PDB file of N, CA and C in Angstrom:
ATOM      1  N   UNK A   1      -8.607  -3.776   4.307  1.00  0.00           N
ATOM      2  CA  UNK A   1      -8.468  -2.501   4.979  1.00  0.00           C
ATOM      3  C   UNK A   1      -8.032  -1.468   3.944  1.00  0.00           C
ATOM      4  N   UNK A   2      -8.778  -0.400   3.803  1.00  0.00           N
ATOM      5  CA  UNK A   2      -8.460   0.660   2.846  1.00  0.00           C
ATOM      6  C   UNK A   2      -7.723   1.786   3.567  1.00  0.00           C
ATOM      7  N   UNK A   3      -6.506   2.054   3.128  1.00  0.00           N
ATOM      8  CA  UNK A   3      -5.723   3.147   3.698  1.00  0.00           C
ATOM      9  C   UNK A   3      -5.097   3.958   2.573  1.00  0.00           C
ATOM     10  N   UNK A   4      -4.562   5.096   2.922  1.00  0.00           N
ATOM     11  CA  UNK A   4      -3.826   5.912   1.963  1.00  0.00           C
ATOM     12  C   UNK A   4      -2.330   5.869   2.258  1.00  0.00           C
ATOM     13  N   UNK A   5      -1.929   4.894   3.057  1.00  0.00           N
ATOM     14  CA  UNK A   5      -0.519   4.778   3.400  1.00  0.00           C
ATOM     15  C   UNK A   5       0.360   4.595   2.174  1.00  0.00           C
ATOM     16  N   UNK A   6      -0.138   3.861   1.187  1.00  0.00           N
ATOM     17  CA  UNK A   6       0.667   3.617  -0.012  1.00  0.00           C
ATOM     18  C   UNK A   6       1.028   4.916  -0.721  1.00  0.00           C
ATOM     19  N   UNK A   7       0.229   5.966  -0.509  1.00  0.00           N
ATOM     20  CA  UNK A   7       0.526   7.268  -1.108  1.00  0.00           C
ATOM     21  C   UNK A   7       1.572   8.041  -0.308  1.00  0.00           C
ATOM     22  N   UNK A   8       1.737   7.672   0.959  1.00  0.00           N
ATOM     23  CA  UNK A   8       2.615   8.429   1.846  1.00  0.00           C
ATOM     24  C   UNK A   8       3.978   7.778   2.075  1.00  0.00           C
ATOM     25  N   UNK A   9       4.051   6.479   1.842  1.00  0.00           N
ATOM     26  CA  UNK A   9       5.280   5.753   2.165  1.00  0.00           C
ATOM     27  C   UNK A   9       6.053   5.344   0.916  1.00  0.00           C
ATOM     28  N   UNK A  10       7.372   5.290   1.067  1.00  0.00           N
ATOM     29  CA  UNK A  10       8.237   4.748   0.021  1.00  0.00           C
ATOM     30  C   UNK A  10       8.921   3.520   0.613  1.00  0.00           C
ATOM     31  N   UNK A  11       8.810   2.421  -0.099  1.00  0.00           N
ATOM     32  CA  UNK A  11       9.296   1.142   0.426  1.00  0.00           C
ATOM     33  C   UNK A  11      10.661   0.798  -0.133  1.00  0.00           C
ATOM     34  N   UNK A  12      11.475   0.110   0.666  1.00  0.00           N
ATOM     35  CA  UNK A  12      11.277  -0.308   2.042  1.00  0.00           C
ATOM     36  C   UNK A  12      11.373   0.879   2.997  1.00  0.00           C
ATOM     37  N   UNK A  13      10.697   0.773   4.145  1.00  0.00           N
ATOM     38  CA  UNK A  13      10.718   1.842   5.144  1.00  0.00           C
ATOM     39  C   UNK A  13      10.501   1.261   6.531  1.00  0.00           C
ATOM     40  N   UNK A  14      10.937   2.011   7.530  1.00  0.00           N
ATOM     41  CA  UNK A  14      10.651   1.618   8.904  1.00  0.00           C
ATOM     42  C   UNK A  14       9.201   1.961   9.202  1.00  0.00           C
ATOM     43  N   UNK A  15       8.505   1.044   9.864  1.00  0.00           N
ATOM     44  CA  UNK A  15       7.102   1.258  10.200  1.00  0.00           C
ATOM     45  C   UNK A  15       6.874   0.751  11.614  1.00  0.00           C
ATOM     46  N   UNK A  16       6.246   1.589  12.443  1.00  0.00           N
ATOM     47  CA  UNK A  16       6.020   1.234  13.842  1.00  0.00           C
ATOM     48  C   UNK A  16       4.537   1.032  14.104  1.00  0.00           C
ATOM     49  N   UNK A  17       4.233  -0.085  14.748  1.00  0.00           N
ATOM     50  CA  UNK A  17       2.882  -0.382  15.229  1.00  0.00           C
ATOM     51  C   UNK A  17       2.868  -0.141  16.727  1.00  0.00           C
ATOM     52  N   UNK A  18       1.786   0.398  17.234  1.00  0.00           N
ATOM     53  CA  UNK A  18       1.582   0.480  18.672  1.00  0.00           C
ATOM     54  C   UNK A  18       0.335  -0.324  18.961  1.00  0.00           C
ATOM     55  N   UNK A  19       0.487  -1.322  19.802  1.00  0.00           N
ATOM     56  CA  UNK A  19      -0.600  -2.238  20.111  1.00  0.00           C
ATOM     57  C   UNK A  19      -0.893  -2.125  21.601  1.00  0.00           C
ATOM     58  N   UNK A  20      -2.121  -1.803  21.938  1.00  0.00           N
ATOM     59  CA  UNK A  20      -2.524  -1.659  23.327  1.00  0.00           C
ATOM     60  C   UNK A  20      -3.466  -2.804  23.665  1.00  0.00           C
ATOM     61  N   UNK A  21      -3.155  -3.480  24.757  1.00  0.00           N
ATOM     62  CA  UNK A  21      -3.970  -4.623  25.146  1.00  0.00           C
ATOM     63  C   UNK A  21      -3.930  -4.881  26.634  1.00  0.00           C
ATOM     64  N   UNK A  22      -4.668  -5.894  27.046  1.00  0.00           N
ATOM     65  CA  UNK A  22      -4.744  -6.304  28.439  1.00  0.00           C
ATOM     66  C   UNK A  22      -3.347  -6.692  28.931  1.00  0.00           C
ATOM     67  N   UNK A  23      -3.026  -6.293  30.164  1.00  0.00           N
ATOM     68  CA  UNK A  23      -1.715  -6.586  30.749  1.00  0.00           C
ATOM     69  C   UNK A  23      -1.600  -8.079  31.036  1.00  0.00           C
ATOM     70  N   UNK A  24      -1.017  -8.785  30.087  1.00  0.00           N
ATOM     71  CA  UNK A  24      -0.835 -10.232  30.190  1.00  0.00           C
ATOM     72  C   UNK A  24       0.403 -10.549  29.359  1.00  0.00           C
ATOM     73  N   UNK A  25       1.336 -11.299  29.921  1.00  0.00           N
ATOM     74  CA  UNK A  25       2.579 -11.603  29.209  1.00  0.00           C
ATOM     75  C   UNK A  25       2.310 -12.306  27.881  1.00  0.00           C
ATOM     76  N   UNK A  26       1.189 -12.997  27.771  1.00  0.00           N
ATOM     77  CA  UNK A  26       0.839 -13.673  26.522  1.00  0.00           C
ATOM     78  C   UNK A  26       0.634 -12.681  25.381  1.00  0.00           C
ATOM     79  N   UNK A  27       0.258 -11.440  25.699  1.00  0.00           N
ATOM     80  CA  UNK A  27       0.067 -10.428  24.660  1.00  0.00           C
ATOM     81  C   UNK A  27       1.342 -10.260  23.854  1.00  0.00           C
ATOM     82  N   UNK A  28       2.449 -10.021  24.526  1.00  0.00           N
ATOM     83  CA  UNK A  28       3.718  -9.812  23.828  1.00  0.00           C
ATOM     84  C   UNK A  28       4.135 -11.076  23.079  1.00  0.00           C
ATOM     85  N   UNK A  29       3.960 -12.228  23.695  1.00  0.00           N
ATOM     86  CA  UNK A  29       4.315 -13.492  23.043  1.00  0.00           C
ATOM     87  C   UNK A  29       3.521 -13.696  21.757  1.00  0.00           C
ATOM     88  N   UNK A  30       2.228 -13.412  21.787  1.00  0.00           N
ATOM     89  CA  UNK A  30       1.384 -13.587  20.605  1.00  0.00           C
ATOM     90  C   UNK A  30       1.763 -12.606  19.503  1.00  0.00           C
ATOM     91  N   UNK A  31       2.082 -11.380  19.875  1.00  0.00           N
ATOM     92  CA  UNK A  31       2.499 -10.371  18.894  1.00  0.00           C
ATOM     93  C   UNK A  31       3.802 -10.797  18.220  1.00  0.00           C
ATOM     94  N   UNK A  32       4.764 -11.261  19.014  1.00  0.00           N
ATOM     95  CA  UNK A  32       6.046 -11.704  18.463  1.00  0.00           C
ATOM     96  C   UNK A  32       5.849 -12.909  17.556  1.00  0.00           C
ATOM     97  N   UNK A  33       4.963 -13.804  17.916  1.00  0.00           N
ATOM     98  CA  UNK A  33       4.686 -14.966  17.069  1.00  0.00           C
ATOM     99  C   UNK A  33       4.160 -14.535  15.701  1.00  0.00           C
ATOM    100  N   UNK A  34       3.266 -13.547  15.677  1.00  0.00           N
ATOM    101  CA  UNK A  34       2.751 -13.021  14.405  1.00  0.00           C
ATOM    102  C   UNK A  34       3.875 -12.376  13.608  1.00  0.00           C
ATOM    103  N   UNK A  35       4.673 -11.562  14.259  1.00  0.00           N
ATOM    104  CA  UNK A  35       5.787 -10.893  13.580  1.00  0.00           C
ATOM    105  C   UNK A  35       6.713 -11.933  12.942  1.00  0.00           C
ATOM    106  N   UNK A  36       7.063 -12.961  13.673  1.00  0.00           N
ATOM    107  CA  UNK A  36       7.981 -13.969  13.157  1.00  0.00           C
ATOM    108  C   UNK A  36       7.370 -14.780  12.016  1.00  0.00           C
ATOM    109  N   UNK A  37       6.052 -14.834  11.951  1.00  0.00           N
ATOM    110  CA  UNK A  37       5.381 -15.527  10.858  1.00  0.00           C
ATOM    111  C   UNK A  37       5.460 -14.719   9.565  1.00  0.00           C
ATOM    112  N   UNK A  38       5.348 -13.393   9.672  1.00  0.00           N
ATOM    113  CA  UNK A  38       5.237 -12.544   8.482  1.00  0.00           C
ATOM    114  C   UNK A  38       6.481 -11.734   8.140  1.00  0.00           C
ATOM    115  N   UNK A  39       7.417 -11.629   9.044  1.00  0.00           N
ATOM    116  CA  UNK A  39       8.600 -10.789   8.817  1.00  0.00           C
ATOM    117  C   UNK A  39       9.842 -11.663   8.751  1.00  0.00           C
ATOM    118  N   UNK A  40      10.585 -11.530   7.681  1.00  0.00           N
ATOM    119  CA  UNK A  40      11.801 -12.328   7.537  1.00  0.00           C
ATOM    120  C   UNK A  40      13.043 -11.562   8.002  1.00  0.00           C
ATOM    121  N   UNK A  41      12.906 -10.261   8.172  1.00  0.00           N
ATOM    122  CA  UNK A  41      14.053  -9.463   8.605  1.00  0.00           C
ATOM    123  C   UNK A  41      13.911  -9.092  10.084  1.00  0.00           C
ATOM    124  N   UNK A  42      14.797  -8.255  10.560  1.00  0.00           N
ATOM    125  CA  UNK A  42      14.813  -7.890  11.966  1.00  0.00           C
ATOM    126  C   UNK A  42      13.681  -6.936  12.322  1.00  0.00           C
ATOM    127  N   UNK A  43      13.374  -6.906  13.603  1.00  0.00           N
ATOM    128  CA  UNK A  43      12.371  -5.999  14.145  1.00  0.00           C
ATOM    129  C   UNK A  43      12.808  -5.617  15.554  1.00  0.00           C
ATOM    130  N   UNK A  44      12.235  -4.571  16.086  1.00  0.00           N
ATOM    131  CA  UNK A  44      12.480  -4.199  17.479  1.00  0.00           C
ATOM    132  C   UNK A  44      11.142  -4.096  18.181  1.00  0.00           C
ATOM    133  N   UNK A  45      11.150  -4.386  19.472  1.00  0.00           N
ATOM    134  CA  UNK A  45       9.916  -4.280  20.242  1.00  0.00           C
ATOM    135  C   UNK A  45      10.212  -3.725  21.623  1.00  0.00           C
ATOM    136  N   UNK A  46       9.215  -3.071  22.190  1.00  0.00           N
ATOM    137  CA  UNK A  46       9.304  -2.586  23.561  1.00  0.00           C
ATOM    138  C   UNK A  46       7.914  -2.647  24.180  1.00  0.00           C
ATOM    139  N   UNK A  47       7.887  -2.784  25.500  1.00  0.00           N
ATOM    140  CA  UNK A  47       6.621  -2.871  26.227  1.00  0.00           C
ATOM    141  C   UNK A  47       6.631  -1.846  27.346  1.00  0.00           C
ATOM    142  N   UNK A  48       5.510  -1.172  27.503  1.00  0.00           N
ATOM    143  CA  UNK A  48       5.302  -0.270  28.632  1.00  0.00           C
ATOM    144  C   UNK A  48       3.971  -0.646  29.268  1.00  0.00           C
ATOM    145  N   UNK A  49       3.917  -0.559  30.573  1.00  0.00           N
ATOM    146  CA  UNK A  49       2.649  -0.842  31.241  1.00  0.00           C
ATOM    147  C   UNK A  49       1.976   0.466  31.626  1.00  0.00           C
ATOM    148  N   UNK A  50       0.652   0.409  31.744  1.00  0.00           N
ATOM    149  CA  UNK A  50      -0.114   1.595  32.116  1.00  0.00           C
ATOM    150  C   UNK A  50       0.123   1.923  33.589  1.00  0.00           C
ATOM    151  N   UNK A  51      -0.304   3.083  33.992  1.00  0.00           N
ATOM    152  CA  UNK A  51      -0.080   3.559  35.355  1.00  0.00           C
ATOM    153  C   UNK A  51      -0.602   2.578  36.403  1.00  0.00           C
ATOM    154  N   UNK A  52      -1.776   2.001  36.146  1.00  0.00           N
ATOM    155  CA  UNK A  52      -2.376   1.054  37.088  1.00  0.00           C
ATOM    156  C   UNK A  52      -2.069  -0.400  36.725  1.00  0.00           C
ATOM    157  N   UNK A  53      -1.194  -0.603  35.744  1.00  0.00           N
ATOM    158  CA  UNK A  53      -0.781  -1.939  35.291  1.00  0.00           C
ATOM    159  C   UNK A  53      -1.937  -2.788  34.762  1.00  0.00           C
ATOM    160  N   UNK A  54      -2.954  -2.141  34.220  1.00  0.00           N
ATOM    161  CA  UNK A  54      -4.079  -2.870  33.632  1.00  0.00           C
ATOM    162  C   UNK A  54      -3.848  -3.184  32.158  1.00  0.00           C
ATOM    163  N   UNK A  55      -3.014  -2.373  31.505  1.00  0.00           N
ATOM    164  CA  UNK A  55      -2.790  -2.498  30.065  1.00  0.00           C
ATOM    165  C   UNK A  55      -1.299  -2.452  29.750  1.00  0.00           C
ATOM    166  N   UNK A  56      -0.950  -3.068  28.619  1.00  0.00           N
ATOM    167  CA  UNK A  56       0.388  -2.960  28.058  1.00  0.00           C
ATOM    168  C   UNK A  56       0.294  -2.199  26.744  1.00  0.00           C
ATOM    169  N   UNK A  57       1.315  -1.416  26.485  1.00  0.00           N
ATOM    170  CA  UNK A  57       1.492  -0.784  25.188  1.00  0.00           C
ATOM    171  C   UNK A  57       2.743  -1.397  24.572  1.00  0.00           C
ATOM    172  N   UNK A  58       2.547  -2.108  23.472  1.00  0.00           N
ATOM    173  CA  UNK A  58       3.655  -2.790  22.805  1.00  0.00           C
ATOM    174  C   UNK A  58       3.950  -2.034  21.513  1.00  0.00           C
ATOM    175  N   UNK A  59       5.193  -1.600  21.367  1.00  0.00           N
ATOM    176  CA  UNK A  59       5.632  -0.947  20.131  1.00  0.00           C
ATOM    177  C   UNK A  59       6.508  -1.922  19.359  1.00  0.00           C
ATOM    178  N   UNK A  60       6.190  -2.092  18.080  1.00  0.00           N
ATOM    179  CA  UNK A  60       6.949  -2.980  17.192  1.00  0.00           C
ATOM    180  C   UNK A  60       7.355  -2.170  15.976  1.00  0.00           C
ATOM    181  N   UNK A  61       8.651  -2.131  15.679  1.00  0.00           N
ATOM    182  CA  UNK A  61       9.132  -1.452  14.485  1.00  0.00           C
ATOM    183  C   UNK A  61       9.720  -2.487  13.538  1.00  0.00           C
ATOM    184  N   UNK A  62       9.236  -2.446  12.304  1.00  0.00           N
ATOM    185  CA  UNK A  62       9.700  -3.373  11.273  1.00  0.00           C
ATOM    186  C   UNK A  62      10.234  -2.578  10.084  1.00  0.00           C
ATOM    187  N   UNK A  63      10.931  -3.254   9.208  1.00  0.00           N
ATOM    188  CA  UNK A  63      11.265  -2.687   7.911  1.00  0.00           C
ATOM    189  C   UNK A  63      10.256  -3.260   6.931  1.00  0.00           C
ATOM    190  N   UNK A  64       9.284  -2.454   6.583  1.00  0.00           N
ATOM    191  CA  UNK A  64       8.206  -2.896   5.693  1.00  0.00           C
ATOM    192  C   UNK A  64       8.687  -2.877   4.251  1.00  0.00           C
ATOM    193  N   UNK A  65       8.303  -3.918   3.514  1.00  0.00           N
ATOM    194  CA  UNK A  65       8.717  -3.995   2.115  1.00  0.00           C
ATOM    195  C   UNK A  65       7.591  -3.612   1.150  1.00  0.00           C
ATOM    196  N   UNK A  66       6.347  -3.629   1.643  1.00  0.00           N
ATOM    197  CA  UNK A  66       5.222  -3.197   0.812  1.00  0.00           C
ATOM    198  C   UNK A  66       3.991  -2.926   1.679  1.00  0.00           C
ATOM    199  N   UNK A  67       2.981  -2.322   1.103  1.00  0.00           N
ATOM    200  CA  UNK A  67       1.780  -1.945   1.839  1.00  0.00           C
ATOM    201  C   UNK A  67       0.985  -3.172   2.284  1.00  0.00           C
ATOM    202  N   UNK A  68       1.020  -4.229   1.501  1.00  0.00           N
ATOM    203  CA  UNK A  68       0.292  -5.446   1.865  1.00  0.00           C
ATOM    204  C   UNK A  68       0.812  -6.018   3.184  1.00  0.00           C
ATOM    205  N   UNK A  69       2.105  -5.974   3.368  1.00  0.00           N
ATOM    206  CA  UNK A  69       2.706  -6.467   4.603  1.00  0.00           C
ATOM    207  C   UNK A  69       2.194  -5.666   5.802  1.00  0.00           C
ATOM    208  N   UNK A  70       2.143  -4.362   5.662  1.00  0.00           N
ATOM    209  CA  UNK A  70       1.652  -3.496   6.736  1.00  0.00           C
ATOM    210  C   UNK A  70       0.199  -3.812   7.061  1.00  0.00           C
ATOM    211  N   UNK A  71      -0.626  -3.929   6.051  1.00  0.00           N
ATOM    212  CA  UNK A  71      -2.053  -4.169   6.265  1.00  0.00           C
ATOM    213  C   UNK A  71      -2.329  -5.550   6.844  1.00  0.00           C
ATOM    214  N   UNK A  72      -1.593  -6.557   6.409  1.00  0.00           N
ATOM    215  CA  UNK A  72      -1.770  -7.909   6.959  1.00  0.00           C
ATOM    216  C   UNK A  72      -1.461  -7.918   8.450  1.00  0.00           C
ATOM    217  N   UNK A  73      -0.380  -7.254   8.838  1.00  0.00           N
ATOM    218  CA  UNK A  73      -0.021  -7.235  10.254  1.00  0.00           C
ATOM    219  C   UNK A  73      -1.070  -6.492  11.076  1.00  0.00           C
ATOM    220  N   UNK A  74      -1.593  -5.373  10.575  1.00  0.00           N
ATOM    221  CA  UNK A  74      -2.691  -4.684  11.267  1.00  0.00           C
ATOM    222  C   UNK A  74      -3.844  -5.654  11.524  1.00  0.00           C
ATOM    223  N   UNK A  75      -4.241  -6.374  10.497  1.00  0.00           N
ATOM    224  CA  UNK A  75      -5.366  -7.301  10.616  1.00  0.00           C
ATOM    225  C   UNK A  75      -5.067  -8.437  11.590  1.00  0.00           C
ATOM    226  N   UNK A  76      -3.869  -8.992  11.534  1.00  0.00           N
ATOM    227  CA  UNK A  76      -3.505 -10.101  12.426  1.00  0.00           C
ATOM    228  C   UNK A  76      -3.436  -9.656  13.881  1.00  0.00           C
ATOM    229  N   UNK A  77      -2.867  -8.478  14.142  1.00  0.00           N
ATOM    230  CA  UNK A  77      -2.807  -7.978  15.519  1.00  0.00           C
ATOM    231  C   UNK A  77      -4.215  -7.747  16.069  1.00  0.00           C
ATOM    232  N   UNK A  78      -5.085  -7.196  15.258  1.00  0.00           N
ATOM    233  CA  UNK A  78      -6.452  -6.891  15.693  1.00  0.00           C
ATOM    234  C   UNK A  78      -7.249  -8.149  16.048  1.00  0.00           C
ATOM    235  N   UNK A  79      -6.879  -9.288  15.502  1.00  0.00           N
ATOM    236  CA  UNK A  79      -7.578 -10.544  15.771  1.00  0.00           C
ATOM    237  C   UNK A  79      -7.277 -11.112  17.163  1.00  0.00           C
ATOM    238  N   UNK A  80      -6.200 -10.665  17.776  1.00  0.00           N
ATOM    239  CA  UNK A  80      -5.806 -11.204  19.076  1.00  0.00           C
ATOM    240  C   UNK A  80      -6.805 -10.802  20.157  1.00  0.00           C
ATOM    241  N   UNK A  81      -7.210 -11.755  20.967  1.00  0.00           N
ATOM    242  CA  UNK A  81      -8.229 -11.521  21.992  1.00  0.00           C
ATOM    243  C   UNK A  81      -7.795 -10.491  23.036  1.00  0.00           C
ATOM    244  N   UNK A  82      -6.513 -10.445  23.374  1.00  0.00           N
ATOM    245  CA  UNK A  82      -6.040  -9.510  24.383  1.00  0.00           C
ATOM    246  C   UNK A  82      -5.887  -8.078  23.869  1.00  0.00           C
ATOM    247  N   UNK A  83      -5.897  -7.894  22.570  1.00  0.00           N
ATOM    248  CA  UNK A  83      -5.671  -6.570  21.967  1.00  0.00           C
ATOM    249  C   UNK A  83      -6.933  -5.724  22.035  1.00  0.00           C
ATOM    250  N   UNK A  84      -6.752  -4.458  22.384  1.00  0.00           N
ATOM    251  CA  UNK A  84      -7.851  -3.505  22.418  1.00  0.00           C
ATOM    252  C   UNK A  84      -7.755  -2.466  21.295  1.00  0.00           C
ATOM    253  N   UNK A  85      -6.524  -2.031  20.972  1.00  0.00           N
ATOM    254  CA  UNK A  85      -6.314  -0.999  19.947  1.00  0.00           C
ATOM    255  C   UNK A  85      -5.019  -1.300  19.193  1.00  0.00           C
ATOM    256  N   UNK A  86      -5.054  -1.133  17.876  1.00  0.00           N
ATOM    257  CA  UNK A  86      -3.832  -1.229  17.065  1.00  0.00           C
ATOM    258  C   UNK A  86      -3.683   0.100  16.340  1.00  0.00           C
ATOM    259  N   UNK A  87      -2.576   0.756  16.587  1.00  0.00           N
ATOM    260  CA  UNK A  87      -2.294   2.051  15.935  1.00  0.00           C
ATOM    261  C   UNK A  87      -1.100   1.913  15.018  1.00  0.00           C
TER     262      UNK A  87
END
């Protein structure tokens, strides 16, 4: 994934992902499993459901140590079947 984030960020820094996916409790569980695989420090997460409860919006904030970490997590989240958008 080619981004210009490395030009904009100074590491370590707080970085927030917003992941939108199908409203299924497994979505949050799968996201947390990925985070725990790649992040050794603390993180915060929150979930909001859409107005009709069809989708969840999961926000995850990490302390990123480098651009590779950010890009790997983007790619891993996007691979999840329940995920529709990763911002």
